[in-house]
C-alpha atoms as a PDB file:
ATOM      1  CA  MET A   1     -33.829 -45.113  54.601  1.00  0.00           C
ATOM      2  CA  MET A   2     -34.992 -47.118  57.694  1.00  0.00           C
ATOM      3  CA  ARG A   3     -31.695 -48.073  58.721  1.00  0.00           C
ATOM      4  CA  ASN A   4     -31.053 -44.305  59.291  1.00  0.00           C
ATOM      5  CA  LEU A   5     -34.317 -43.832  61.335  1.00  0.00           C
ATOM      6  CA  TRP A   6     -33.213 -46.656  62.861  1.00  0.00           C
ATOM      7  CA  LEU A   7     -29.827 -45.138  64.038  1.00  0.00           C
ATOM      8  CA  VAL A   8     -31.779 -41.388  64.904  1.00  0.00           C
ATOM      9  CA  ILE A   9     -33.910 -43.216  67.262  1.00  0.00           C
ATOM     10  CA  PHE A  10     -30.992 -45.623  68.540  1.00  0.00           C
ATOM     11  CA  PHE A  11     -29.266 -42.610  69.834  1.00  0.00           C
ATOM     12  CA  ALA A  12     -31.571 -40.214  70.487  1.00  0.00           C
ATOM     13  CA  VAL A  13     -32.788 -42.425  73.292  1.00  0.00           C
ATOM     14  CA  LEU A  14     -29.115 -43.036  74.315  1.00  0.00           C
ATOM     15  CA  LEU A  15     -28.658 -39.485  74.647  1.00  0.00           C
ATOM     16  CA  TRP A  16     -31.265 -38.841  76.419  1.00  0.00           C
ATOM     17  CA  SER A  17     -30.750 -41.871  78.789  1.00  0.00           C
ATOM     18  CA  VAL A  18     -27.478 -40.557  80.087  1.00  0.00           C
ATOM     19  CA  ILE A  19     -28.251 -36.720  80.867  1.00  0.00           C
ATOM     20  CA  GLU A  20     -28.759 -37.071  84.433  1.00  0.00           C
ATOM     21  CA  PRO A  21     -29.201 -40.674  85.116  1.00  0.00           C
ATOM     22  CA  LYS A  22     -30.359 -42.030  88.772  1.00  0.00           C
ATOM     23  CA  ASP A  23     -27.233 -43.329  89.042  1.00  0.00           C
ATOM     24  CA  LEU A  24     -24.706 -42.999  85.941  1.00  0.00           C
ATOM     25  CA  PHE A  25     -22.654 -46.710  86.981  1.00  0.00           C
ATOM     26  CA  THR A  26     -25.558 -48.682  86.999  1.00  0.00           C
ATOM     27  CA  TRP A  27     -26.920 -46.154  83.748  1.00  0.00           C
ATOM     28  CA  PHE A  28     -23.802 -48.117  82.074  1.00  0.00           C
ATOM     29  CA  LEU A  29     -23.865 -51.513  83.633  1.00  0.00           C
ATOM     30  CA  GLU A  30     -27.987 -51.731  81.701  1.00  0.00           C
ATOM     31  CA  VAL A  31     -27.046 -49.807  78.723  1.00  0.00           C
ATOM     32  CA  PHE A  32     -23.865 -51.775  77.805  1.00  0.00           C
ATOM     33  CA  PRO A  33     -25.910 -54.801  76.501  1.00  0.00           C
ATOM     34  CA  ALA A  34     -27.715 -52.404  73.841  1.00  0.00           C
ATOM     35  CA  LEU A  35     -23.790 -51.047  73.254  1.00  0.00           C
ATOM     36  CA  ILE A  36     -22.823 -54.632  72.311  1.00  0.00           C
ATOM     37  CA  ALA A  37     -26.128 -54.888  70.279  1.00  0.00           C
ATOM     38  CA  LEU A  38     -24.802 -51.834  67.782  1.00  0.00           C
ATOM     39  CA  VAL A  39     -21.329 -52.609  67.409  1.00  0.00           C
ATOM     40  CA  VAL A  40     -22.707 -56.650  66.839  1.00  0.00           C
ATOM     41  CA  LEU A  41     -25.413 -55.172  63.808  1.00  0.00           C
ATOM     42  CA  ALA A  42     -22.932 -52.449  62.690  1.00  0.00           C
ATOM     43  CA  LYS A  43     -20.282 -55.496  61.661  1.00  0.00           C
ATOM     44  CA  THR A  44     -22.402 -58.114  60.483  1.00  0.00           C
ATOM     45  CA  ARG A  45     -24.927 -55.702  58.488  1.00  0.00           C
ATOM     46  CA  HIS A  46     -23.641 -56.617  55.073  1.00  0.00           C
ATOM     47  CA  SER A  47     -22.185 -60.344  55.898  1.00  0.00           C
ATOM     48  CA  PHE A  48     -25.887 -61.483  58.056  1.00  0.00           C
ATOM     49  CA  PRO A  49     -28.460 -58.627  57.658  1.00  0.00           C
ATOM     50  CA  LEU A  50     -31.555 -59.885  59.799  1.00  0.00           C
ATOM     51  CA  THR A  51     -35.088 -59.663  58.663  1.00  0.00           C
ATOM     52  CA  PRO A  52     -36.395 -56.083  59.495  1.00  0.00           C
ATOM     53  CA  LEU A  53     -38.793 -57.673  62.284  1.00  0.00           C
ATOM     54  CA  LEU A  54     -35.476 -58.294  64.371  1.00  0.00           C
ATOM     55  CA  TYR A  55     -33.736 -55.181  63.893  1.00  0.00           C
ATOM     56  CA  GLN A  56     -37.298 -53.396  64.827  1.00  0.00           C
ATOM     57  CA  LEU A  57     -37.396 -55.624  68.052  1.00  0.00           C
ATOM     58  CA  ILE A  58     -33.968 -54.896  68.512  1.00  0.00           C
ATOM     59  CA  LEU A  59     -34.089 -51.241  69.220  1.00  0.00           C
ATOM     60  CA  LEU A  60     -37.234 -52.115  70.832  1.00  0.00           C
ATOM     61  CA  HIS A  61     -35.352 -53.919  73.468  1.00  0.00           C
ATOM     62  CA  ALA A  62     -32.345 -51.195  73.712  1.00  0.00           C
ATOM     63  CA  ILE A  63     -35.202 -48.472  74.279  1.00  0.00           C
ATOM     64  CA  ILE A  64     -36.006 -50.737  77.273  1.00  0.00           C
ATOM     65  CA  LEU A  65     -32.685 -51.083  78.990  1.00  0.00           C
ATOM     66  CA  MET A  66     -31.856 -47.046  78.266  1.00  0.00           C
ATOM     67  CA  VAL A  67     -35.140 -46.383  79.996  1.00  0.00           C
ATOM     68  CA  GLY A  68     -34.501 -48.691  82.653  1.00  0.00           C
ATOM     69  CA  GLY A  69     -30.618 -47.175  82.837  1.00  0.00           C
ATOM     70  CA  HIS A  70     -31.873 -44.047  82.950  1.00  0.00           C
ATOM     71  CA  TYR A  71     -34.369 -44.093  85.903  1.00  0.00           C
ATOM     72  CA  THR A  72     -33.011 -47.697  87.205  1.00  0.00           C
ATOM     73  CA  TYR A  73     -35.177 -50.395  86.868  1.00  0.00           C
ATOM     74  CA  ALA A  74     -37.167 -49.672  90.166  1.00  0.00           C
ATOM     75  CA  GLU A  75     -37.932 -46.262  89.234  1.00  0.00           C
ATOM     76  CA  VAL A  76     -39.542 -45.757  86.269  1.00  0.00           C
ATOM     77  CA  PRO A  77     -42.148 -43.144  86.484  1.00  0.00           C
ATOM     78  CA  LEU A  78     -44.746 -44.844  84.616  1.00  0.00           C
ATOM     79  CA  PHE A  79     -44.621 -47.773  86.000  1.00  0.00           C
ATOM     80  CA  ASP A  80     -44.704 -46.022  89.439  1.00  0.00           C
ATOM     81  CA  TRP A  81     -47.976 -44.982  88.190  1.00  0.00           C
ATOM     82  CA  PHE A  82     -49.090 -48.526  87.538  1.00  0.00           C
ATOM     83  CA  LYS A  83     -47.504 -49.589  90.987  1.00  0.00           C
ATOM     84  CA  GLU A  84     -50.050 -46.874  92.601  1.00  0.00           C
ATOM     85  CA  TRP A  85     -52.917 -47.778  90.292  1.00  0.00           C
ATOM     86  CA  PHE A  86     -53.043 -51.506  90.178  1.00  0.00           C
ATOM     87  CA  GLY A  87     -51.535 -50.816  94.563  1.00  0.00           C
ATOM     88  CA  ALA A  88     -48.739 -53.236  93.864  1.00  0.00           C
ATOM     89  CA  THR A  89     -46.262 -53.148  95.808  1.00  0.00           C
ATOM     90  CA  ARG A  90     -43.232 -52.757  93.810  1.00  0.00           C
ATOM     91  CA  ASN A  91     -42.123 -51.044  90.623  1.00  0.00           C
ATOM     92  CA  ASN A  92     -42.285 -54.180  87.887  1.00  0.00           C
ATOM     93  CA  TYR A  93     -40.566 -52.236  84.907  1.00  0.00           C
ATOM     94  CA  ASP A  94     -37.694 -54.856  85.186  1.00  0.00           C
ATOM     95  CA  LYS A  95     -40.082 -57.663  84.423  1.00  0.00           C
ATOM     96  CA  LEU A  96     -41.265 -55.861  81.253  1.00  0.00           C
ATOM     97  CA  GLY A  97     -37.488 -55.881  80.172  1.00  0.00           C
ATOM     98  CA  HIS A  98     -36.981 -59.602  81.377  1.00  0.00           C
ATOM     99  CA  LEU A  99     -39.644 -60.834  79.138  1.00  0.00           C
ATOM    100  CA  ALA A 100     -37.634 -58.575  76.353  1.00  0.00           C
ATOM    101  CA  GLN A 101     -34.466 -60.367  77.227  1.00  0.00           C
ATOM    102  CA  GLY A 102     -37.046 -63.765  76.308  1.00  0.00           C
ATOM    103  CA  PHE A 103     -38.973 -62.281  73.621  1.00  0.00           C
ATOM    104  CA  VAL A 104     -36.090 -60.701  71.053  1.00  0.00           C
ATOM    105  CA  PRO A 105     -33.737 -63.243  71.567  1.00  0.00           C
ATOM    106  CA  ALA A 106     -35.474 -66.284  71.161  1.00  0.00           C
ATOM    107  CA  LEU A 107     -36.276 -64.635  67.758  1.00  0.00           C
ATOM    108  CA  VAL A 108     -32.597 -63.777  67.161  1.00  0.00           C
ATOM    109  CA  ALA A 109     -31.722 -67.211  68.027  1.00  0.00           C
ATOM    110  CA  ARG A 110     -34.729 -68.983  65.295  1.00  0.00           C
ATOM    111  CA  GLU A 111     -33.160 -66.926  62.722  1.00  0.00           C
ATOM    112  CA  LEU A 112     -29.819 -68.150  63.566  1.00  0.00           C
ATOM    113  CA  VAL A 113     -31.099 -71.655  63.561  1.00  0.00           C
ATOM    114  CA  ILE A 114     -33.604 -71.228  60.246  1.00  0.00           C
ATOM    115  CA  ARG A 115     -30.724 -69.195  58.211  1.00  0.00           C
ATOM    116  CA  LYS A 116     -27.693 -71.604  59.217  1.00  0.00           C
ATOM    117  CA  GLN A 117     -29.792 -74.502  58.642  1.00  0.00           C
ATOM    118  CA  ILE A 118     -28.629 -75.988  62.238  1.00  0.00           C
ATOM    119  CA  ILE A 119     -31.865 -77.527  63.510  1.00  0.00           C
ATOM    120  CA  ARG A 120     -34.237 -78.551  61.042  1.00  0.00           C
ATOM    121  CA  GLY A 121     -37.297 -79.981  63.062  1.00  0.00           C
ATOM    122  CA  ARG A 122     -39.490 -76.701  63.996  1.00  0.00           C
ATOM    123  CA  ARG A 123     -40.289 -78.200  67.557  1.00  0.00           C
ATOM    124  CA  TRP A 124     -36.539 -78.677  68.034  1.00  0.00           C
ATOM    125  CA  GLN A 125     -35.839 -75.049  66.598  1.00  0.00           C
ATOM    126  CA  HIS A 126     -38.616 -73.486  68.785  1.00  0.00           C
ATOM    127  CA  PHE A 127     -36.856 -76.163  72.094  1.00  0.00           C
ATOM    128  CA  PHE A 128     -33.317 -74.642  71.260  1.00  0.00           C
ATOM    129  CA  CYS A 129     -34.873 -71.270  71.136  1.00  0.00           C
ATOM    130  CA  VAL A 130     -36.492 -71.311  74.732  1.00  0.00           C
ATOM    131  CA  CYS A 131     -33.305 -72.761  76.115  1.00  0.00           C
ATOM    132  CA  THR A 132     -30.958 -69.847  74.576  1.00  0.00           C
ATOM    133  CA  CYS A 133     -33.473 -67.392  76.233  1.00  0.00           C
ATOM    134  CA  LEU A 134     -32.826 -68.901  80.008  1.00  0.00           C
ATOM    135  CA  ALA A 135     -29.160 -69.710  79.294  1.00  0.00           C
ATOM    136  CA  ILE A 136     -28.979 -65.756  78.559  1.00  0.00           C
ATOM    137  CA  SER A 137     -31.714 -64.985  81.225  1.00  0.00           C
ATOM    138  CA  ALA A 138     -29.546 -67.173  84.080  1.00  0.00           C
ATOM    139  CA  VAL A 139     -26.039 -65.634  82.696  1.00  0.00           C
ATOM    140  CA  TYR A 140     -27.491 -62.012  83.534  1.00  0.00           C
ATOM    141  CA  GLU A 141     -28.223 -63.295  86.825  1.00  0.00           C
ATOM    142  CA  LEU A 142     -25.357 -64.930  87.175  1.00  0.00           C
ATOM    143  CA  LEU A 143     -23.514 -61.462  86.276  1.00  0.00           C
ATOM    144  CA  GLU A 144     -26.233 -59.062  88.090  1.00  0.00           C
ATOM    145  CA  TRP A 145     -24.322 -61.506  91.294  1.00  0.00           C
ATOM    146  CA  GLY A 146     -21.198 -61.296  90.171  1.00  0.00           C
ATOM    147  CA  VAL A 147     -21.536 -57.247  90.067  1.00  0.00           C
ATOM    148  CA  ALA A 148     -23.502 -57.130  93.489  1.00  0.00           C
ATOM    149  CA  ILE A 149     -20.743 -59.082  95.138  1.00  0.00           C
ATOM    150  CA  ALA A 150     -17.863 -56.462  93.399  1.00  0.00           C
ATOM    151  CA  THR A 151     -19.434 -53.204  94.020  1.00  0.00           C
ATOM    152  CA  GLY A 152     -21.310 -53.833  97.150  1.00  0.00           C
ATOM    153  CA  GLU A 153     -24.271 -51.718  98.304  1.00  0.00           C
ATOM    154  CA  GLY A 154     -23.775 -49.443  95.116  1.00  0.00           C
ATOM    155  CA  ALA A 155     -25.215 -52.667  93.092  1.00  0.00           C
ATOM    156  CA  GLU A 156     -29.420 -52.472  94.971  1.00  0.00           C
ATOM    157  CA  ALA A 157     -30.281 -49.863  91.368  1.00  0.00           C
ATOM    158  CA  PHE A 158     -28.615 -52.400  89.226  1.00  0.00           C
ATOM    159  CA  LEU A 159     -30.268 -55.235  90.554  1.00  0.00           C
ATOM    160  CA  GLY A 160     -33.574 -53.958  91.256  1.00  0.00           C
ATOM    161  CA  THR A 161     -35.280 -56.625  93.530  1.00  0.00           C
ATOM    162  CA  GLN A 162     -36.655 -54.268  95.613  1.00  0.00           C
ATOM    163  CA  GLY A 163     -37.168 -56.601  98.249  1.00  0.00           C
ATOM    164  CA  TYR A 164     -38.593 -59.743  96.750  1.00  0.00           C
ATOM    165  CA  GLU A 165     -36.414 -62.957  97.583  1.00  0.00           C
ATOM    166  CA  TRP A 166     -37.756 -64.447  94.053  1.00  0.00           C
ATOM    167  CA  ASP A 167     -36.492 -61.934  92.134  1.00  0.00           C
ATOM    168  CA  THR A 168     -34.019 -63.892  89.977  1.00  0.00           C
ATOM    169  CA  GLN A 169     -36.858 -66.965  89.752  1.00  0.00           C
ATOM    170  CA  SER A 170     -39.244 -64.657  88.429  1.00  0.00           C
ATOM    171  CA  ASP A 171     -37.173 -62.768  86.002  1.00  0.00           C
ATOM    172  CA  MET A 172     -35.752 -65.836  84.441  1.00  0.00           C
ATOM    173  CA  PHE A 173     -39.726 -66.894  84.424  1.00  0.00           C
ATOM    174  CA  TYR A 174     -40.568 -63.953  82.458  1.00  0.00           C
ATOM    175  CA  ALA A 175     -38.119 -64.346  80.170  1.00  0.00           C
ATOM    176  CA  LEU A 176     -38.913 -67.366  79.759  1.00  0.00           C
ATOM    177  CA  ILE A 177     -43.108 -66.364  79.293  1.00  0.00           C
ATOM    178  CA  GLY A 178     -41.394 -63.762  76.868  1.00  0.00           C
ATOM    179  CA  ALA A 179     -39.465 -66.009  74.535  1.00  0.00           C
ATOM    180  CA  VAL A 180     -42.964 -68.687  74.309  1.00  0.00           C
ATOM    181  CA  THR A 181     -45.052 -65.986  73.624  1.00  0.00           C
ATOM    182  CA  ALA A 182     -42.235 -64.742  70.986  1.00  0.00           C
ATOM    183  CA  LEU A 183     -41.773 -68.038  69.306  1.00  0.00           C
ATOM    184  CA  LEU A 184     -45.999 -68.614  68.936  1.00  0.00           C
ATOM    185  CA  THR A 185     -46.824 -65.053  67.816  1.00  0.00           C
ATOM    186  CA  LEU A 186     -44.672 -64.368  65.738  1.00  0.00           C
ATOM    187  CA  SER A 187     -42.940 -67.315  64.090  1.00  0.00           C
ATOM    188  CA  ARG A 188     -45.448 -67.238  60.396  1.00  0.00           C
ATOM    189  CA  TYR A 189     -44.860 -63.159  60.240  1.00  0.00           C
ATOM    190  CA  HIS A 190     -41.186 -64.129  60.909  1.00  0.00           C
ATOM    191  CA  ASP A 191     -41.196 -66.828  58.150  1.00  0.00           C
ATOM    192  CA  ARG A 192     -42.367 -64.870  56.072  1.00  0.00           C
ATOM    193  CA  GLN A 193     -39.834 -62.390  56.457  1.00  0.00           C
ATOM    194  CA  LEU A 194     -37.372 -64.879  56.048  1.00  0.00           C
ATOM    195  CA  ALA A 195     -38.693 -65.699  52.404  1.00  0.00           C
ATOM    196  CA  GLN A 196     -36.306 -63.023  51.133  1.00  0.00           C
ATOM    197  CA  PHE A 197     -33.086 -64.836  51.975  1.00  0.00           C
ATOM    198  CA  LYS A 198     -34.052 -68.246  50.398  1.00  0.00           C
END
């Protein structure tokens, strides 16, 4: 039942996001990681099922990606409203995306490390998870840079820097905040769900 609901939500948001997106190329670039996640989850559903918490967080992250793909990260309407309300100079939806880019992978890495018994000490597990998230964030920033070089001006919507010279560094910092926050707030709850696999 939950799997069916997960799929309905995923495909409903995916369908909505592809209908008249701001820029189809940007949509594809932003949504592609969610599509990869869908394929990986489908292939590992029986051999390595995840905790319900992870499935929910992965869906939430996919929705964040799809919304960003539909509008572009610099033009998500709700965050335009926040920008006006708080007197900010930029739409910060991309920071939510990078926060999720740390938050969700931290718990995915944690589940893999614990269930596969790769690292035993909790502190080392958390250190590894944070490092994994920072590595993912760095690779993503390098991919953004590569796309910008390859496509020229058309990449501005994908980069979403909005004229902020420290965008790359702040993106990685938000991923770090997301990873640390996930580990500090959800580890105990995650442990209770992981107990079903012992």
